[in-house]
Amino acid sequence: MAKKGSAKPRTRKKNKKTGFNPKLQFMKIVAGLTLLVCLVITAGLLANRFLMRPAPQVVLKSKPIIVTQPERGPVHHSIPDYEAFNREAVVPPPPITRIKPVTNGIPVAIIIDDIGYDRKMAEGFLELDVPLTFSVLPEGTFNHSIIDQALKKDVEIMLHLPMEPGNYPSVNPGPGALLSSMKPDELIAQLNADLDRVPGVKGVNNHMGSKLTASSAQMRQIFTILKKRDLFFVDSRTSTDTLCRPSAELLHLPFAERDVFIDHEQTPEFVRKQLKLLIRRAKRQGYAIGIAHPHPVTLAVLQEMLPELKGAVFLTYASKVVAFQQG
């Protein structure tokens, strides 16, 4: 019968024969796991590098623009596509020209009203050979021939627009008149017809009109049409009740007022006195507008006083005085 402690030597002897070493096997497993972890980490780093790479930048194509320079030949410039669509193709407007006082005098305009029915008198004023403004009635008998001659002489043309006076109908302003009884459509239709009868028209002033010019609603209707046609208005001031100025200011219409009536008394002494008043008024305020009519006495005194007028003020057109006041 064998002893109890004899089994251990046989077990150790069997382990030696098989070569199994638990400690070595454990170290191999640990090394394998460490290698696996390293491979996983490496794979993760590589995947992160490739998957998280930023997107390549998109480079906008450029279109060449050729700017020709005569001395050095064509020069190429490039702009991105999105800028090319934001450029305006129209030619930019020229700079605004401001009207300033002239160096050889103060601007004064003389408007000759009631043109169209006396061709010989109109020709007499044209022979003065100075800047004048003819205000033409819409249905004058000789309108076309007078206007043709006036434009050749560089005389400015206005419409002398008939308007209802306070004592209408005992005093009639004539054909083509605008009346306070007209509906807006009628008023505008008559105004457009009157303007179309005067070729080359640059502005308008009222013939009579003491009643209509006191109506702000109807003056605004009139001024709306003048604004659309790029015309100016000179208030003849036939009444102190006129509301033309506030109506024009509301619509930003180029506007001026008559300063002196020159010949409502037809004597040489009176016309001389009024022309001297026109000069004084111009010197005091820096500009002036006078209104005269095709009367023989007016033409004769103007011929006589032209040297004095030219020496004291600068004779010009009504549009220039209006622009001077707006500048």
Protein backbone atom coordinates (compact mmCIF):
# COMPACT_ATOMS: atom_id res chain seq x y z
CA MET A 1 0.00 0.00 0.00
CA ALA A 2 1.46 3.20 -1.09
CA LYS A 3 1.99 6.26 1.01
CA LYS A 4 -0.30 9.37 0.66
CA GLY A 5 2.47 11.80 -0.27
CA SER A 6 3.70 9.68 -3.23
CA ALA A 7 1.19 11.37 -5.76
CA LYS A 8 2.87 14.84 -5.92
CA PRO A 9 6.19 13.70 -7.43
CA ARG A 10 4.28 11.83 -10.18
CA THR A 11 2.20 14.95 -11.02
CA ARG A 12 5.23 17.17 -11.31
CA LYS A 13 6.87 14.59 -13.49
CA LYS A 14 3.80 14.55 -15.84
CA ASN A 15 3.87 18.40 -16.11
CA LYS A 16 7.45 18.27 -17.14
CA LYS A 17 6.63 15.75 -19.85
CA THR A 18 3.73 17.87 -21.34
CA GLY A 19 5.63 21.18 -21.06
CA PHE A 20 2.56 23.11 -19.83
CA ASN A 21 3.50 26.29 -17.93
CA PRO A 22 0.48 28.33 -16.61
CA LYS A 23 2.52 31.47 -15.97
CA LEU A 24 3.83 31.57 -19.55
CA GLN A 25 0.38 30.99 -20.99
CA PHE A 26 -1.03 33.87 -18.97
CA MET A 27 1.65 36.24 -20.25
CA LYS A 28 0.87 35.24 -23.86
CA ILE A 29 -2.82 36.00 -23.38
CA VAL A 30 -2.04 39.41 -21.89
CA ALA A 31 0.32 40.21 -24.78
CA GLY A 32 -2.33 39.19 -27.31
CA LEU A 33 -4.98 41.32 -25.72
CA THR A 34 -2.60 44.30 -25.61
CA LEU A 35 -1.84 43.90 -29.31
CA LEU A 36 -5.53 43.70 -30.11
CA VAL A 37 -6.25 46.87 -28.18
CA CYS A 38 -3.42 48.67 -30.00
CA LEU A 39 -4.81 47.54 -33.36
CA VAL A 40 -8.29 48.78 -32.45
CA ILE A 41 -6.96 52.16 -31.33
CA THR A 42 -4.82 52.49 -34.46
CA ALA A 43 -7.78 51.59 -36.68
CA GLY A 44 -9.93 54.17 -34.87
CA LEU A 45 -7.34 56.90 -35.34
CA LEU A 46 -7.01 56.12 -39.04
CA ALA A 47 -10.77 56.06 -39.51
CA ASN A 48 -11.15 59.37 -37.70
CA ARG A 49 -8.48 60.95 -39.89
CA PHE A 50 -10.11 59.91 -43.14
CA LEU A 51 -13.76 60.29 -42.16
CA MET A 52 -13.37 63.72 -40.50
CA ARG A 53 -11.28 65.30 -43.27
CA PRO A 54 -12.63 68.83 -44.10
CA ALA A 55 -14.36 69.28 -47.45
CA PRO A 56 -12.19 70.65 -50.21
CA GLN A 57 -12.63 74.42 -50.81
CA VAL A 58 -14.67 75.38 -53.87
CA VAL A 59 -12.84 77.90 -56.00
CA LEU A 60 -15.16 80.22 -57.96
CA LYS A 61 -14.37 80.52 -61.58
CA SER A 62 -13.59 83.99 -62.82
CA LYS A 63 -14.73 85.75 -65.93
CA PRO A 64 -12.18 87.96 -67.61
CA ILE A 65 -13.16 91.58 -68.25
CA ILE A 66 -11.12 93.46 -70.77
CA VAL A 67 -10.54 97.15 -70.13
CA THR A 68 -9.00 98.77 -73.14
CA GLN A 69 -6.29 101.34 -72.53
CA PRO A 70 -5.14 102.91 -75.79
CA GLU A 71 -1.53 103.51 -74.73
CA ARG A 72 -0.75 100.10 -73.20
CA GLY A 73 -3.22 97.76 -74.89
CA PRO A 74 -5.88 95.57 -73.21
CA VAL A 75 -5.64 94.91 -69.49
CA HIS A 76 -7.46 91.87 -68.02
CA HIS A 77 -9.35 91.97 -64.74
CA SER A 78 -11.33 89.15 -63.19
CA ILE A 79 -14.36 89.29 -60.92
CA PRO A 80 -16.28 86.40 -59.34
CA ASP A 81 -19.55 85.32 -60.97
CA TYR A 82 -21.73 86.56 -58.10
CA GLU A 83 -20.38 90.11 -58.43
CA ALA A 84 -21.00 90.26 -62.16
CA PHE A 85 -24.78 89.94 -61.64
CA ASN A 86 -24.89 92.89 -59.21
CA ARG A 87 -23.47 95.47 -61.59
CA GLU A 88 -25.73 97.98 -63.29
CA ALA A 89 -25.52 98.18 -67.05
CA VAL A 90 -26.93 101.71 -67.36
CA VAL A 91 -24.74 104.77 -67.81
CA PRO A 92 -24.60 106.75 -64.53
CA PRO A 93 -26.28 110.16 -64.66
CA PRO A 94 -24.10 113.27 -64.82
CA PRO A 95 -23.53 115.31 -61.65
CA ILE A 96 -26.19 117.82 -60.67
CA THR A 97 -25.41 121.33 -61.87
CA ARG A 98 -26.35 124.00 -59.36
CA ILE A 99 -27.47 127.38 -60.62
CA LYS A 100 -25.32 130.18 -59.17
CA PRO A 101 -25.49 133.95 -59.58
CA VAL A 102 -23.84 135.08 -62.79
CA THR A 103 -20.78 137.30 -62.59
CA ASN A 104 -22.03 140.02 -64.96
CA GLY A 105 -25.37 140.77 -63.35
CA ILE A 106 -28.46 139.54 -61.55
CA PRO A 107 -30.82 137.16 -63.44
CA VAL A 108 -33.98 138.84 -64.68
CA ALA A 109 -36.62 137.32 -66.95
CA ILE A 110 -39.13 139.30 -68.98
CA ILE A 111 -42.18 137.27 -70.03
CA ILE A 112 -44.26 138.58 -72.92
CA ASP A 113 -47.84 137.36 -72.36
CA ASP A 114 -50.75 137.03 -74.81
CA ILE A 115 -48.59 135.85 -77.73
CA GLY A 116 -50.36 134.25 -80.69
CA TYR A 117 -52.76 136.79 -82.17
CA ASP A 118 -50.44 139.62 -83.35
CA ARG A 119 -47.66 138.29 -85.56
CA LYS A 120 -46.07 141.68 -86.35
CA MET A 121 -45.76 142.63 -82.68
CA ALA A 122 -44.21 139.23 -81.91
CA GLU A 123 -41.67 139.78 -84.70
CA GLY A 124 -40.85 143.21 -83.26
CA PHE A 125 -39.96 141.69 -79.88
CA LEU A 126 -37.89 138.99 -81.61
CA GLU A 127 -35.84 141.74 -83.31
CA LEU A 128 -34.67 142.96 -79.90
CA ASP A 129 -32.29 139.99 -80.05
CA VAL A 130 -32.19 139.47 -76.27
CA PRO A 131 -33.28 136.46 -74.17
CA LEU A 132 -37.04 136.70 -73.80
CA THR A 133 -39.81 134.28 -72.85
CA PHE A 134 -42.96 134.18 -75.00
CA SER A 135 -46.08 132.97 -73.17
CA VAL A 136 -48.42 131.71 -75.89
CA LEU A 137 -52.20 131.44 -75.63
CA PRO A 138 -53.36 127.90 -76.53
CA GLU A 139 -55.47 128.78 -79.59
CA GLY A 140 -53.65 131.79 -81.02
CA THR A 141 -54.21 132.39 -84.73
CA PHE A 142 -50.48 132.60 -85.55
CA ASN A 143 -49.11 130.27 -82.91
CA HIS A 144 -47.15 127.96 -85.18
CA SER A 145 -45.46 130.62 -87.28
CA ILE A 146 -44.59 132.74 -84.22
CA ILE A 147 -43.26 129.74 -82.28
CA ASP A 148 -41.14 128.62 -85.25
CA GLN A 149 -39.52 132.07 -85.47
CA ALA A 150 -39.10 132.29 -81.68
CA LEU A 151 -37.31 128.95 -81.45
CA LYS A 152 -34.91 130.00 -84.21
CA LYS A 153 -34.10 133.10 -82.13
CA ASP A 154 -33.62 130.99 -78.97
CA VAL A 155 -36.64 132.58 -77.32
CA GLU A 156 -38.21 130.39 -74.63
CA ILE A 157 -41.81 129.22 -75.01
CA MET A 158 -44.41 128.97 -72.25
CA LEU A 159 -48.14 128.23 -72.26
CA HIS A 160 -50.22 131.22 -71.20
CA LEU A 161 -52.96 129.12 -69.61
CA PRO A 162 -56.43 130.71 -69.50
CA MET A 163 -58.06 130.30 -66.07
CA GLU A 164 -61.35 131.46 -64.63
CA PRO A 165 -61.28 134.97 -63.15
CA GLY A 166 -63.36 136.13 -60.21
CA ASN A 167 -65.76 138.10 -62.43
CA TYR A 168 -66.47 135.25 -64.86
CA PRO A 169 -68.58 135.04 -67.06
CA SER A 170 -68.76 138.80 -67.56
CA VAL A 171 -65.01 138.59 -68.26
CA ASN A 172 -64.10 135.59 -70.39
CA PRO A 173 -60.51 134.23 -70.29
CA GLY A 174 -60.86 132.90 -73.83
CA PRO A 175 -60.75 129.50 -75.58
CA GLY A 176 -59.10 126.63 -73.76
CA ALA A 177 -59.89 128.06 -70.31
CA LEU A 178 -59.89 126.00 -67.13
CA LEU A 179 -63.03 126.65 -65.07
CA SER A 180 -63.82 125.99 -61.42
CA SER A 181 -67.01 124.14 -62.46
CA MET A 182 -65.03 121.45 -64.31
CA LYS A 183 -64.74 117.95 -62.89
CA PRO A 184 -61.18 116.67 -62.41
CA ASP A 185 -61.25 114.60 -65.62
CA GLU A 186 -62.52 117.58 -67.62
CA LEU A 187 -59.95 119.92 -66.10
CA ILE A 188 -57.04 117.57 -66.84
CA ALA A 189 -58.25 116.82 -70.38
CA GLN A 190 -58.48 120.54 -71.20
CA LEU A 191 -55.05 121.21 -69.68
CA ASN A 192 -53.42 118.44 -71.72
CA ALA A 193 -55.11 119.71 -74.88
CA ASP A 194 -53.80 123.24 -74.23
CA LEU A 195 -50.26 122.00 -73.62
CA ASP A 196 -50.31 119.90 -76.79
CA ARG A 197 -51.21 122.97 -78.85
CA VAL A 198 -47.98 124.76 -77.88
CA PRO A 199 -44.93 122.94 -79.27
CA GLY A 200 -41.65 123.43 -77.41
CA VAL A 201 -43.39 124.47 -74.18
CA LYS A 202 -41.06 124.67 -71.16
CA GLY A 203 -43.38 126.12 -68.53
CA VAL A 204 -46.78 127.64 -67.78
CA ASN A 205 -48.18 130.84 -66.31
CA ASN A 206 -51.79 131.80 -65.73
CA HIS A 207 -53.86 134.10 -67.95
CA MET A 208 -56.33 135.78 -65.55
CA GLY A 209 -57.34 133.03 -63.06
CA SER A 210 -58.01 135.04 -59.90
CA LYS A 211 -60.73 132.54 -58.94
CA LEU A 212 -59.08 129.27 -59.98
CA THR A 213 -55.68 130.06 -58.46
CA ALA A 214 -57.44 130.46 -55.10
CA SER A 215 -58.57 126.80 -55.25
CA SER A 216 -55.84 124.62 -53.77
CA ALA A 217 -57.54 121.35 -54.83
CA GLN A 218 -57.72 122.36 -58.50
CA MET A 219 -54.24 123.88 -58.53
CA ARG A 220 -52.88 120.59 -57.20
CA GLN A 221 -54.62 118.77 -60.06
CA ILE A 222 -53.02 121.17 -62.55
CA PHE A 223 -49.58 120.96 -60.95
CA THR A 224 -49.68 117.15 -60.95
CA ILE A 225 -49.87 117.22 -64.76
CA LEU A 226 -47.13 119.86 -65.03
CA LYS A 227 -44.92 117.75 -62.76
CA LYS A 228 -45.40 114.69 -64.97
CA ARG A 229 -44.48 116.75 -68.04
CA ASP A 230 -41.38 118.21 -66.36
CA LEU A 231 -42.64 121.80 -66.65
CA PHE A 232 -42.37 124.78 -64.32
CA PHE A 233 -45.03 127.28 -63.24
CA VAL A 234 -44.87 131.04 -62.82
CA ASP A 235 -47.72 132.55 -60.85
CA SER A 236 -48.80 135.77 -62.56
CA ARG A 237 -50.32 136.82 -59.22
CA THR A 238 -53.57 138.23 -60.53
CA SER A 239 -54.95 138.04 -56.99
CA THR A 240 -53.63 138.25 -53.45
CA ASP A 241 -55.72 135.16 -52.65
CA THR A 242 -53.58 132.90 -54.81
CA LEU A 243 -52.68 129.50 -53.35
CA CYS A 244 -50.23 128.54 -56.08
CA ARG A 245 -47.09 128.62 -53.94
CA PRO A 246 -48.18 126.16 -51.20
CA SER A 247 -49.66 123.85 -53.85
CA ALA A 248 -46.41 123.89 -55.82
CA GLU A 249 -44.32 123.32 -52.69
CA LEU A 250 -46.47 120.34 -51.75
CA LEU A 251 -45.76 118.68 -55.11
CA HIS A 252 -42.12 119.91 -55.36
CA LEU A 253 -42.95 121.65 -58.64
CA PRO A 254 -40.39 124.19 -59.96
CA PHE A 255 -42.09 127.48 -59.20
CA ALA A 256 -41.67 131.25 -59.19
CA GLU A 257 -43.87 134.34 -58.93
CA ARG A 258 -44.22 137.48 -60.99
CA ASP A 259 -42.50 140.43 -59.35
CA VAL A 260 -43.54 143.38 -61.56
CA PHE A 261 -46.28 143.97 -64.12
CA ILE A 262 -44.56 146.25 -66.64
CA ASP A 263 -47.31 147.70 -68.81
CA HIS A 264 -50.79 147.47 -67.31
CA GLU A 265 -50.86 151.23 -67.98
CA GLN A 266 -49.83 151.83 -71.57
CA THR A 267 -47.85 155.05 -71.40
CA PRO A 268 -44.09 155.44 -71.94
CA GLU A 269 -43.66 157.07 -68.52
CA PHE A 270 -45.34 154.20 -66.72
CA VAL A 271 -43.45 151.47 -68.61
CA ARG A 272 -40.12 153.23 -67.85
CA LYS A 273 -41.06 153.50 -64.18
CA GLN A 274 -41.94 149.79 -64.01
CA LEU A 275 -38.73 148.69 -65.72
CA LYS A 276 -36.71 150.70 -63.20
CA LEU A 277 -38.77 149.07 -60.44
CA LEU A 278 -37.90 145.68 -61.92
CA ILE A 279 -34.19 146.52 -61.72
CA ARG A 280 -34.48 147.67 -58.08
CA ARG A 281 -36.45 144.59 -57.12
CA ALA A 282 -33.86 142.33 -58.75
CA LYS A 283 -30.98 144.01 -56.94
CA ARG A 284 -32.78 143.75 -53.61
CA GLN A 285 -33.70 140.04 -53.78
CA GLY A 286 -31.10 138.73 -56.25
CA TYR A 287 -33.46 137.94 -59.16
CA ALA A 288 -36.77 139.10 -60.64
CA ILE A 289 -39.50 138.24 -63.14
CA GLY A 290 -41.38 140.93 -65.05
CA ILE A 291 -44.48 140.38 -67.19
CA ALA A 292 -45.27 142.54 -70.22
CA HIS A 293 -47.59 142.34 -73.22
CA PRO A 294 -47.25 142.80 -76.98
CA HIS A 295 -48.07 146.52 -76.99
CA PRO A 296 -46.30 149.06 -79.24
CA VAL A 297 -45.42 151.27 -76.25
CA THR A 298 -43.85 148.34 -74.41
CA LEU A 299 -41.70 147.43 -77.41
CA ALA A 300 -40.60 151.05 -77.93
CA VAL A 301 -39.57 151.57 -74.28
CA LEU A 302 -37.75 148.23 -74.18
CA GLN A 303 -35.72 149.27 -77.24
CA GLU A 304 -34.93 152.55 -75.54
CA MET A 305 -33.94 151.05 -72.17
CA LEU A 306 -32.05 147.95 -73.32
CA PRO A 307 -28.59 149.47 -72.65
CA GLU A 308 -29.65 150.41 -69.10
CA LEU A 309 -31.17 146.97 -68.49
CA LYS A 310 -28.09 145.13 -69.79
CA GLY A 311 -25.82 147.25 -67.63
CA ALA A 312 -27.80 146.64 -64.45
CA VAL A 313 -29.03 143.04 -64.69
CA PHE A 314 -28.53 139.83 -66.64
CA LEU A 315 -31.47 139.27 -69.00
CA THR A 316 -32.31 135.57 -69.23
CA TYR A 317 -35.20 133.10 -69.58
CA ALA A 318 -37.98 132.41 -67.09
CA SER A 319 -36.76 128.83 -66.63
CA LYS A 320 -33.34 130.12 -65.52
CA VAL A 321 -34.82 132.37 -62.85
CA VAL A 322 -37.06 129.52 -61.64
CA ALA A 323 -34.02 127.21 -61.45
CA PHE A 324 -32.02 129.92 -59.67
CA GLN A 325 -34.68 130.09 -56.94
CA GLN A 326 -34.77 126.29 -56.60
CA GLY A 327 -30.95 125.88 -56.44
